[in-house]
PDB file of all heavy atoms in Angstrom:
ATOM      1  N   VAL A   1      90.606  96.845 123.590  1.00  0.00           N
ATOM      2  CA  VAL A   1      90.259  97.332 124.928  1.00  0.00           C
ATOM      3  C   VAL A   1      90.417  98.847 124.991  1.00  0.00           C
ATOM      4  O   VAL A   1      89.579  99.554 125.581  1.00  0.00           O
ATOM      5  CB  VAL A   1      91.121  96.636 125.993  1.00  0.00           C
ATOM      6  CG1 VAL A   1      90.936  97.294 127.359  1.00  0.00           C
ATOM      7  CG2 VAL A   1      90.770  95.157 126.073  1.00  0.00           C
ATOM      8  N   ALA A   2      91.477  99.379 124.363  1.00  0.00           N
ATOM      9  CA  ALA A   2      91.695 100.825 124.356  1.00  0.00           C
ATOM     10  C   ALA A   2      90.573 101.547 123.618  1.00  0.00           C
ATOM     11  O   ALA A   2      90.127 102.630 124.046  1.00  0.00           O
ATOM     12  CB  ALA A   2      93.043 101.141 123.712  1.00  0.00           C
ATOM     13  N   VAL A   3      90.104 100.967 122.522  1.00  0.00           N
ATOM     14  CA  VAL A   3      89.004 101.575 121.768  1.00  0.00           C
ATOM     15  C   VAL A   3      87.726 101.594 122.603  1.00  0.00           C
ATOM     16  O   VAL A   3      87.025 102.614 122.686  1.00  0.00           O
ATOM     17  CB  VAL A   3      88.775 100.823 120.445  1.00  0.00           C
ATOM     18  CG1 VAL A   3      87.476 101.286 119.784  1.00  0.00           C
ATOM     19  CG2 VAL A   3      89.947 101.050 119.490  1.00  0.00           C
ATOM     20  N   VAL A   4      87.427 100.477 123.247  1.00  0.00           N
ATOM     21  CA  VAL A   4      86.224 100.407 124.105  1.00  0.00           C
ATOM     22  C   VAL A   4      86.329 101.407 125.246  1.00  0.00           C
ATOM     23  O   VAL A   4      85.365 102.117 125.567  1.00  0.00           O
ATOM     24  CB  VAL A   4      86.025  98.974 124.635  1.00  0.00           C
ATOM     25  CG1 VAL A   4      84.905  98.938 125.663  1.00  0.00           C
ATOM     26  CG2 VAL A   4      85.732  98.022 123.491  1.00  0.00           C
ATOM     27  N   ALA A   5      87.512 101.484 125.856  1.00  0.00           N
ATOM     28  CA  ALA A   5      87.714 102.438 126.943  1.00  0.00           C
ATOM     29  C   ALA A   5      87.562 103.875 126.445  1.00  0.00           C
ATOM     30  O   ALA A   5      86.960 104.724 127.131  1.00  0.00           O
ATOM     31  CB  ALA A   5      89.091 102.241 127.564  1.00  0.00           C
ATOM     32  N   ALA A   6      88.083 104.151 125.253  1.00  0.00           N
ATOM     33  CA  ALA A   6      87.978 105.506 124.696  1.00  0.00           C
ATOM     34  C   ALA A   6      86.528 105.868 124.410  1.00  0.00           C
ATOM     35  O   ALA A   6      86.119 107.030 124.608  1.00  0.00           O
ATOM     36  CB  ALA A   6      88.810 105.615 123.425  1.00  0.00           C
ATOM     37  N   VAL A   7      85.752 104.910 123.956  1.00  0.00           N
ATOM     38  CA  VAL A   7      84.325 105.156 123.746  1.00  0.00           C
ATOM     39  C   VAL A   7      83.659 105.539 125.064  1.00  0.00           C
ATOM     40  O   VAL A   7      82.890 106.517 125.148  1.00  0.00           O
ATOM     41  CB  VAL A   7      83.644 103.921 123.132  1.00  0.00           C
ATOM     42  CG1 VAL A   7      82.123 104.087 123.137  1.00  0.00           C
ATOM     43  CG2 VAL A   7      84.140 103.686 121.715  1.00  0.00           C
ATOM     44  N   GLY A   8      83.953 104.770 126.132  1.00  0.00           N
ATOM     45  CA  GLY A   8      83.364 105.061 127.435  1.00  0.00           C
ATOM     46  C   GLY A   8      83.774 106.423 127.970  1.00  0.00           C
ATOM     47  O   GLY A   8      82.938 107.192 128.472  1.00  0.00           O
ATOM     48  N   VAL A   9      85.063 106.747 127.833  1.00  0.00           N
ATOM     49  CA  VAL A   9      85.561 108.041 128.303  1.00  0.00           C
ATOM     50  C   VAL A   9      84.933 109.183 127.500  1.00  0.00           C
ATOM     51  O   VAL A   9      84.537 110.223 128.059  1.00  0.00           O
ATOM     52  CB  VAL A   9      87.101 108.093 128.223  1.00  0.00           C
ATOM     53  CG1 VAL A   9      87.612 109.512 128.492  1.00  0.00           C
ATOM     54  CG2 VAL A   9      87.712 107.120 129.217  1.00  0.00           C
ATOM     55  N   SER A  10      84.797 109.003 126.194  1.00  0.00           N
ATOM     56  CA  SER A  10      84.195 110.037 125.346  1.00  0.00           C
ATOM     57  C   SER A  10      82.746 110.288 125.723  1.00  0.00           C
ATOM     58  O   SER A  10      82.280 111.436 125.733  1.00  0.00           O
ATOM     59  CB  SER A  10      84.285 109.647 123.875  1.00  0.00           C
ATOM     60  OG  SER A  10      85.605 109.737 123.399  1.00  0.00           O
ATOM     61  N   LEU A  11      82.025 109.219 126.037  1.00  0.00           N
ATOM     62  CA  LEU A  11      80.612 109.365 126.380  1.00  0.00           C
ATOM     63  C   LEU A  11      80.414 109.916 127.784  1.00  0.00           C
ATOM     64  O   LEU A  11      79.455 110.663 128.038  1.00  0.00           O
ATOM     65  CB  LEU A  11      79.913 108.008 126.246  1.00  0.00           C
ATOM     66  CG  LEU A  11      79.773 107.445 124.835  1.00  0.00           C
ATOM     67  CD1 LEU A  11      79.175 106.044 124.873  1.00  0.00           C
ATOM     68  CD2 LEU A  11      78.898 108.366 123.978  1.00  0.00           C
ATOM     69  N   ALA A  12      81.323 109.584 128.697  1.00  0.00           N
ATOM     70  CA  ALA A  12      81.072 109.916 130.110  1.00  0.00           C
ATOM     71  C   ALA A  12      81.879 111.091 130.630  1.00  0.00           C
ATOM     72  O   ALA A  12      81.412 111.806 131.527  1.00  0.00           O
ATOM     73  CB  ALA A  12      81.353 108.683 130.981  1.00  0.00           C
ATOM     74  N   VAL A  13      83.082 111.279 130.112  1.00  0.00           N
ATOM     75  CA  VAL A  13      83.984 112.243 130.757  1.00  0.00           C
ATOM     76  C   VAL A  13      84.544 113.269 129.782  1.00  0.00           C
ATOM     77  O   VAL A  13      84.414 114.481 129.974  1.00  0.00           O
ATOM     78  CB  VAL A  13      85.159 111.505 131.455  1.00  0.00           C
ATOM     79  CG1 VAL A  13      86.083 112.513 132.142  1.00  0.00           C
ATOM     80  CG2 VAL A  13      84.650 110.473 132.443  1.00  0.00           C
ATOM     81  N   TRP A  14      85.222 112.766 128.737  1.00  0.00           N
ATOM     82  CA  TRP A  14      85.996 113.657 127.865  1.00  0.00           C
ATOM     83  C   TRP A  14      85.722 113.315 126.411  1.00  0.00           C
ATOM     84  O   TRP A  14      86.291 112.365 125.867  1.00  0.00           O
ATOM     85  CB  TRP A  14      87.489 113.511 128.204  1.00  0.00           C
ATOM     86  CG  TRP A  14      88.374 114.534 127.568  1.00  0.00           C
ATOM     87  CD1 TRP A  14      88.226 115.886 127.601  1.00  0.00           C
ATOM     88  CD2 TRP A  14      89.567 114.279 126.805  1.00  0.00           C
ATOM     89  NE1 TRP A  14      89.228 116.507 126.913  1.00  0.00           N
ATOM     90  CE2 TRP A  14      90.082 115.543 126.414  1.00  0.00           C
ATOM     91  CE3 TRP A  14      90.249 113.125 126.427  1.00  0.00           C
ATOM     92  CZ2 TRP A  14      91.234 115.673 125.655  1.00  0.00           C
ATOM     93  CZ3 TRP A  14      91.401 113.253 125.677  1.00  0.00           C
ATOM     94  CH2 TRP A  14      91.890 114.520 125.287  1.00  0.00           C
ATOM     95  N   PRO A  15      84.854 114.042 125.731  1.00  0.00           N
ATOM     96  CA  PRO A  15      84.455 113.709 124.357  1.00  0.00           C
ATOM     97  C   PRO A  15      85.593 113.518 123.367  1.00  0.00           C
ATOM     98  O   PRO A  15      85.492 112.680 122.462  1.00  0.00           O
ATOM     99  CB  PRO A  15      83.558 114.886 123.967  1.00  0.00           C
ATOM    100  CG  PRO A  15      82.999 115.363 125.260  1.00  0.00           C
ATOM    101  CD  PRO A  15      84.106 115.191 126.264  1.00  0.00           C
ATOM    102  N   PRO A  16      86.722 114.225 123.461  1.00  0.00           N
ATOM    103  CA  PRO A  16      87.782 114.037 122.446  1.00  0.00           C
ATOM    104  C   PRO A  16      88.551 112.720 122.551  1.00  0.00           C
ATOM    105  O   PRO A  16      89.413 112.458 121.699  1.00  0.00           O
ATOM    106  CB  PRO A  16      88.729 115.217 122.711  1.00  0.00           C
ATOM    107  CG  PRO A  16      87.951 116.210 123.474  1.00  0.00           C
ATOM    108  CD  PRO A  16      86.996 115.410 124.300  1.00  0.00           C
ATOM    109  N   ALA A  17      88.308 111.884 123.565  1.00  0.00           N
ATOM    110  CA  ALA A  17      89.137 110.690 123.778  1.00  0.00           C
ATOM    111  C   ALA A  17      89.130 109.769 122.562  1.00  0.00           C
ATOM    112  O   ALA A  17      90.191 109.357 122.073  1.00  0.00           O
ATOM    113  CB  ALA A  17      88.673 109.932 125.020  1.00  0.00           C
ATOM    114  N   LEU A  18      87.949 109.433 122.070  1.00  0.00           N
ATOM    115  CA  LEU A  18      87.881 108.516 120.924  1.00  0.00           C
ATOM    116  C   LEU A  18      88.417 109.160 119.649  1.00  0.00           C
ATOM    117  O   LEU A  18      89.219 108.526 118.944  1.00  0.00           O
ATOM    118  CB  LEU A  18      86.452 108.023 120.721  1.00  0.00           C
ATOM    119  CG  LEU A  18      86.268 107.011 119.578  1.00  0.00           C
ATOM    120  CD1 LEU A  18      87.088 105.756 119.812  1.00  0.00           C
ATOM    121  CD2 LEU A  18      84.781 106.661 119.400  1.00  0.00           C
ATOM    122  N   PRO A  19      88.021 110.389 119.320  1.00  0.00           N
ATOM    123  CA  PRO A  19      88.622 111.003 118.121  1.00  0.00           C
ATOM    124  C   PRO A  19      90.143 111.113 118.197  1.00  0.00           C
ATOM    125  O   PRO A  19      90.823 110.951 117.184  1.00  0.00           O
ATOM    126  CB  PRO A  19      87.969 112.391 118.076  1.00  0.00           C
ATOM    127  CG  PRO A  19      86.687 112.236 118.797  1.00  0.00           C
ATOM    128  CD  PRO A  19      86.955 111.222 119.879  1.00  0.00           C
ATOM    129  N   LEU A  20      90.687 111.370 119.397  1.00  0.00           N
ATOM    130  CA  LEU A  20      92.132 111.472 119.539  1.00  0.00           C
ATOM    131  C   LEU A  20      92.801 110.133 119.270  1.00  0.00           C
ATOM    132  O   LEU A  20      93.805 110.054 118.544  1.00  0.00           O
ATOM    133  CB  LEU A  20      92.495 111.968 120.932  1.00  0.00           C
ATOM    134  CG  LEU A  20      93.992 112.103 121.233  1.00  0.00           C
ATOM    135  CD1 LEU A  20      94.649 113.096 120.284  1.00  0.00           C
ATOM    136  CD2 LEU A  20      94.205 112.516 122.688  1.00  0.00           C
ATOM    137  N   LEU A  21      92.246 109.064 119.831  1.00  0.00           N
ATOM    138  CA  LEU A  21      92.792 107.730 119.585  1.00  0.00           C
ATOM    139  C   LEU A  21      92.716 107.386 118.103  1.00  0.00           C
ATOM    140  O   LEU A  21      93.674 106.845 117.517  1.00  0.00           O
ATOM    141  CB  LEU A  21      92.049 106.688 120.419  1.00  0.00           C
ATOM    142  CG  LEU A  21      92.494 105.234 120.233  1.00  0.00           C
ATOM    143  CD1 LEU A  21      93.954 105.053 120.640  1.00  0.00           C
ATOM    144  CD2 LEU A  21      91.600 104.286 121.043  1.00  0.00           C
ATOM    145  N   ALA A  22      91.584 107.700 117.482  1.00  0.00           N
ATOM    146  CA  ALA A  22      91.411 107.411 116.056  1.00  0.00           C
ATOM    147  C   ALA A  22      92.414 108.200 115.216  1.00  0.00           C
ATOM    148  O   ALA A  22      92.984 107.675 114.245  1.00  0.00           O
ATOM    149  CB  ALA A  22      89.985 107.742 115.624  1.00  0.00           C
ATOM    150  N   ALA A  23      92.659 109.441 115.583  1.00  0.00           N
ATOM    151  CA  ALA A  23      93.606 110.269 114.826  1.00  0.00           C
ATOM    152  C   ALA A  23      95.028 109.728 114.958  1.00  0.00           C
ATOM    153  O   ALA A  23      95.778 109.682 113.975  1.00  0.00           O
ATOM    154  CB  ALA A  23      93.537 111.712 115.319  1.00  0.00           C
ATOM    155  N   ILE A  24      95.413 109.319 116.169  1.00  0.00           N
ATOM    156  CA  ILE A  24      96.754 108.754 116.370  1.00  0.00           C
ATOM    157  C   ILE A  24      96.921 107.482 115.536  1.00  0.00           C
ATOM    158  O   ILE A  24      97.942 107.280 114.870  1.00  0.00           O
ATOM    159  CB  ILE A  24      96.988 108.466 117.863  1.00  0.00           C
ATOM    160  CG1 ILE A  24      97.057 109.777 118.650  1.00  0.00           C
ATOM    161  CG2 ILE A  24      98.269 107.656 118.066  1.00  0.00           C
ATOM    162  CD1 ILE A  24      97.067 109.586 120.155  1.00  0.00           C
ATOM    163  N   TYR A  25      95.896 106.630 115.561  1.00  0.00           N
ATOM    164  CA  TYR A  25      95.957 105.384 114.783  1.00  0.00           C
ATOM    165  C   TYR A  25      96.047 105.690 113.289  1.00  0.00           C
ATOM    166  O   TYR A  25      96.839 105.079 112.567  1.00  0.00           O
ATOM    167  CB  TYR A  25      94.725 104.529 115.075  1.00  0.00           C
ATOM    168  CG  TYR A  25      94.756 103.169 114.417  1.00  0.00           C
ATOM    169  CD1 TYR A  25      95.271 102.072 115.089  1.00  0.00           C
ATOM    170  CD2 TYR A  25      94.277 102.987 113.121  1.00  0.00           C
ATOM    171  CE1 TYR A  25      95.318 100.816 114.488  1.00  0.00           C
ATOM    172  CE2 TYR A  25      94.323 101.744 112.509  1.00  0.00           C
ATOM    173  CZ  TYR A  25      94.835 100.664 113.204  1.00  0.00           C
ATOM    174  OH  TYR A  25      94.894  99.426 112.595  1.00  0.00           O
ATOM    175  N   LEU A  26      95.250 106.650 112.827  1.00  0.00           N
ATOM    176  CA  LEU A  26      95.231 106.996 111.402  1.00  0.00           C
ATOM    177  C   LEU A  26      96.598 107.495 110.940  1.00  0.00           C
ATOM    178  O   LEU A  26      97.110 107.062 109.896  1.00  0.00           O
ATOM    179  CB  LEU A  26      94.166 108.065 111.147  1.00  0.00           C
ATOM    180  CG  LEU A  26      94.030 108.568 109.703  1.00  0.00           C
ATOM    181  CD1 LEU A  26      93.597 107.438 108.780  1.00  0.00           C
ATOM    182  CD2 LEU A  26      93.032 109.718 109.643  1.00  0.00           C
ATOM    183  N   VAL A  27      97.213 108.368 111.710  1.00  0.00           N
ATOM    184  CA  VAL A  27      98.520 108.907 111.337  1.00  0.00           C
ATOM    185  C   VAL A  27      99.565 107.795 111.314  1.00  0.00           C
ATOM    186  O   VAL A  27     100.383 107.698 110.385  1.00  0.00           O
ATOM    187  CB  VAL A  27      98.932 110.029 112.311  1.00  0.00           C
ATOM    188  CG1 VAL A  27     100.392 110.424 112.085  1.00  0.00           C
ATOM    189  CG2 VAL A  27      98.028 111.240 112.136  1.00  0.00           C
ATOM    190  N   ALA A  28      99.538 106.925 112.336  1.00  0.00           N
ATOM    191  CA  ALA A  28     100.506 105.827 112.394  1.00  0.00           C
ATOM    192  C   ALA A  28     100.325 104.871 111.223  1.00  0.00           C
ATOM    193  O   ALA A  28     101.305 104.405 110.619  1.00  0.00           O
ATOM    194  CB  ALA A  28     100.363 105.077 113.719  1.00  0.00           C
ATOM    195  N   ALA A  29      99.074 104.577 110.882  1.00  0.00           N
ATOM    196  CA  ALA A  29      98.812 103.657 109.777  1.00  0.00           C
ATOM    197  C   ALA A  29      99.256 104.250 108.442  1.00  0.00           C
ATOM    198  O   ALA A  29      99.894 103.578 107.629  1.00  0.00           O
ATOM    199  CB  ALA A  29      97.328 103.297 109.734  1.00  0.00           C
ATOM    200  N   LEU A  30      98.917 105.504 108.212  1.00  0.00           N
ATOM    201  CA  LEU A  30      99.321 106.127 106.952  1.00  0.00           C
ATOM    202  C   LEU A  30     100.835 106.233 106.852  1.00  0.00           C
ATOM    203  O   LEU A  30     101.412 106.044 105.773  1.00  0.00           O
ATOM    204  CB  LEU A  30      98.683 107.511 106.834  1.00  0.00           C
ATOM    205  CG  LEU A  30      97.170 107.522 106.593  1.00  0.00           C
ATOM    206  CD1 LEU A  30      96.633 108.943 106.628  1.00  0.00           C
ATOM    207  CD2 LEU A  30      96.818 106.854 105.262  1.00  0.00           C
ATOM    208  N   ALA A  31     101.499 106.502 107.969  1.00  0.00           N
ATOM    209  CA  ALA A  31     102.962 106.555 107.961  1.00  0.00           C
ATOM    210  C   ALA A  31     103.556 105.202 107.608  1.00  0.00           C
ATOM    211  O   ALA A  31     104.619 105.124 106.968  1.00  0.00           O
ATOM    212  CB  ALA A  31     103.472 107.020 109.324  1.00  0.00           C
ATOM    213  N   ALA A  32     102.868 104.122 107.999  1.00  0.00           N
ATOM    214  CA  ALA A  32     103.376 102.773 107.734  1.00  0.00           C
ATOM    215  C   ALA A  32     103.349 102.428 106.256  1.00  0.00           C
ATOM    216  O   ALA A  32     104.049 101.502 105.819  1.00  0.00           O
ATOM    217  CB  ALA A  32     102.565 101.743 108.519  1.00  0.00           C
ATOM    218  N   THR A  33     102.566 103.136 105.466  1.00  0.00           N
ATOM    219  CA  THR A  33     102.497 102.846 104.030  1.00  0.00           C
ATOM    220  C   THR A  33     103.591 103.557 103.241  1.00  0.00           C
ATOM    221  O   THR A  33     103.787 103.255 102.060  1.00  0.00           O
ATOM    222  CB  THR A  33     101.135 103.261 103.443  1.00  0.00           C
ATOM    223  OG1 THR A  33     101.037 104.703 103.441  1.00  0.00           O
ATOM    224  CG2 THR A  33      99.993 102.676 104.232  1.00  0.00           C
TER     225      THR A  33
END
């Protein structure tokens, strides 16, 4: 749901929303390894 919402926000309001979410997820995932 957060990813879908970020896509909508990026397209309609604030373009960095989806890249920011993706970056946070990427850092957290890499840290988990």
